[in-house]
Amino acid sequence: MVYRKILLAVALMGSLAACGQSFGEQAVIGAGGGAATSAILGGSVGTGALVGAAANVAYCQQYPSRCS
């Protein structure tokens, strides 16, 4: 059951990664993905949102060609 949750979380994050045209969009989409993943895994939704937002923005700033 734990593996199923992890697989679902990874799939969810993968589907949301690299989305958003602006800094704000990237942060909001990352926060949503992080919060959803954290909720699925039973973690802190707030922490998941913060980590997801930071990760998505960092990824999109590092690889802008992949964020279209």
C-alpha atoms as a PDB file:
ATOM      1  CA  MET A   1       0.000   0.000   0.000  1.00  0.00           C
ATOM      2  CA  VAL A   2       2.845   2.389   0.766  1.00  0.00           C
ATOM      3  CA  TYR A   3       4.411   1.756  -2.636  1.00  0.00           C
ATOM      4  CA  ARG A   4       1.123   2.536  -4.313  1.00  0.00           C
ATOM      5  CA  LYS A   5       0.912   5.894  -2.541  1.00  0.00           C
ATOM      6  CA  ILE A   6       4.483   6.729  -3.464  1.00  0.00           C
ATOM      7  CA  LEU A   7       3.902   5.789  -7.095  1.00  0.00           C
ATOM      8  CA  LEU A   8       0.756   7.918  -7.209  1.00  0.00           C
ATOM      9  CA  ALA A   9       2.614  10.837  -5.636  1.00  0.00           C
ATOM     10  CA  VAL A  10       5.463  10.593  -8.132  1.00  0.00           C
ATOM     11  CA  ALA A  11       3.017  10.430 -11.022  1.00  0.00           C
ATOM     12  CA  LEU A  12       1.169  13.467  -9.709  1.00  0.00           C
ATOM     13  CA  MET A  13       4.362  15.471  -9.291  1.00  0.00           C
ATOM     14  CA  GLY A  14       5.566  14.431 -12.713  1.00  0.00           C
ATOM     15  CA  SER A  15       2.369  15.582 -14.341  1.00  0.00           C
ATOM     16  CA  LEU A  16       2.599  19.000 -12.709  1.00  0.00           C
ATOM     17  CA  ALA A  17       6.313  19.591 -13.044  1.00  0.00           C
ATOM     18  CA  ALA A  18       7.547  22.224 -15.449  1.00  0.00           C
ATOM     19  CA  CYS A  19       4.213  23.982 -15.825  1.00  0.00           C
ATOM     20  CA  GLY A  20       3.570  27.693 -15.744  1.00  0.00           C
ATOM     21  CA  GLN A  21       4.688  30.574 -17.901  1.00  0.00           C
ATOM     22  CA  SER A  22       5.424  33.078 -15.132  1.00  0.00           C
ATOM     23  CA  PHE A  23       7.142  32.897 -11.761  1.00  0.00           C
ATOM     24  CA  GLY A  24       3.772  33.111  -9.990  1.00  0.00           C
ATOM     25  CA  GLU A  25       2.196  30.358 -12.056  1.00  0.00           C
ATOM     26  CA  GLN A  26       5.184  28.108 -11.462  1.00  0.00           C
ATOM     27  CA  ALA A  27       4.965  28.700  -7.715  1.00  0.00           C
ATOM     28  CA  VAL A  28       1.214  28.065  -7.536  1.00  0.00           C
ATOM     29  CA  ILE A  29       1.341  24.907  -9.637  1.00  0.00           C
ATOM     30  CA  GLY A  30       4.305  23.591  -7.666  1.00  0.00           C
ATOM     31  CA  ALA A  31       2.560  24.376  -4.395  1.00  0.00           C
ATOM     32  CA  GLY A  32      -0.532  22.496  -5.532  1.00  0.00           C
ATOM     33  CA  GLY A  33       1.493  19.477  -6.558  1.00  0.00           C
ATOM     34  CA  GLY A  34       3.483  19.505  -3.342  1.00  0.00           C
ATOM     35  CA  ALA A  35       0.399  19.871  -1.169  1.00  0.00           C
ATOM     36  CA  ALA A  36      -1.434  17.087  -2.991  1.00  0.00           C
ATOM     37  CA  THR A  37       1.550  14.771  -2.787  1.00  0.00           C
ATOM     38  CA  SER A  38       2.010  15.496   0.900  1.00  0.00           C
ATOM     39  CA  ALA A  39      -1.670  14.862   1.585  1.00  0.00           C
ATOM     40  CA  ILE A  40      -1.509  11.522  -0.244  1.00  0.00           C
ATOM     41  CA  LEU A  41       1.556  10.472   1.718  1.00  0.00           C
ATOM     42  CA  GLY A  42       0.108  11.692   5.023  1.00  0.00           C
ATOM     43  CA  GLY A  43       2.625  14.480   5.581  1.00  0.00           C
ATOM     44  CA  SER A  44       2.299  18.167   6.341  1.00  0.00           C
ATOM     45  CA  VAL A  45       0.324  19.830   3.558  1.00  0.00           C
ATOM     46  CA  GLY A  46       1.862  23.235   4.305  1.00  0.00           C
ATOM     47  CA  THR A  47       5.385  21.905   4.132  1.00  0.00           C
ATOM     48  CA  GLY A  48       4.557  20.018   0.947  1.00  0.00           C
ATOM     49  CA  ALA A  49       3.206  23.205  -0.623  1.00  0.00           C
ATOM     50  CA  LEU A  50       6.344  25.161   0.271  1.00  0.00           C
ATOM     51  CA  VAL A  51       8.696  22.474  -0.999  1.00  0.00           C
ATOM     52  CA  GLY A  52       6.647  21.938  -4.160  1.00  0.00           C
ATOM     53  CA  ALA A  53       6.563  25.647  -4.968  1.00  0.00           C
ATOM     54  CA  ALA A  54      10.288  26.059  -4.414  1.00  0.00           C
ATOM     55  CA  ALA A  55      11.133  22.937  -6.400  1.00  0.00           C
ATOM     56  CA  ASN A  56       8.978  23.829  -9.394  1.00  0.00           C
ATOM     57  CA  VAL A  57      10.244  27.407  -9.551  1.00  0.00           C
ATOM     58  CA  ALA A  58      13.853  26.259  -9.199  1.00  0.00           C
ATOM     59  CA  TYR A  59      13.394  23.668 -11.947  1.00  0.00           C
ATOM     60  CA  CYS A  60      11.725  26.105 -14.313  1.00  0.00           C
ATOM     61  CA  GLN A  61      14.351  28.786 -13.698  1.00  0.00           C
ATOM     62  CA  GLN A  62      17.135  26.254 -14.327  1.00  0.00           C
ATOM     63  CA  TYR A  63      15.524  24.721 -17.439  1.00  0.00           C
ATOM     64  CA  PRO A  64      13.238  27.361 -19.003  1.00  0.00           C
ATOM     65  CA  SER A  65      13.004  25.512 -22.328  1.00  0.00           C
ATOM     66  CA  ARG A  66      11.293  22.589 -20.576  1.00  0.00           C
ATOM     67  CA  CYS A  67       8.666  24.811 -18.929  1.00  0.00           C
ATOM     68  CA  SER A  68       6.489  25.718 -21.854  1.00  0.00           C
END
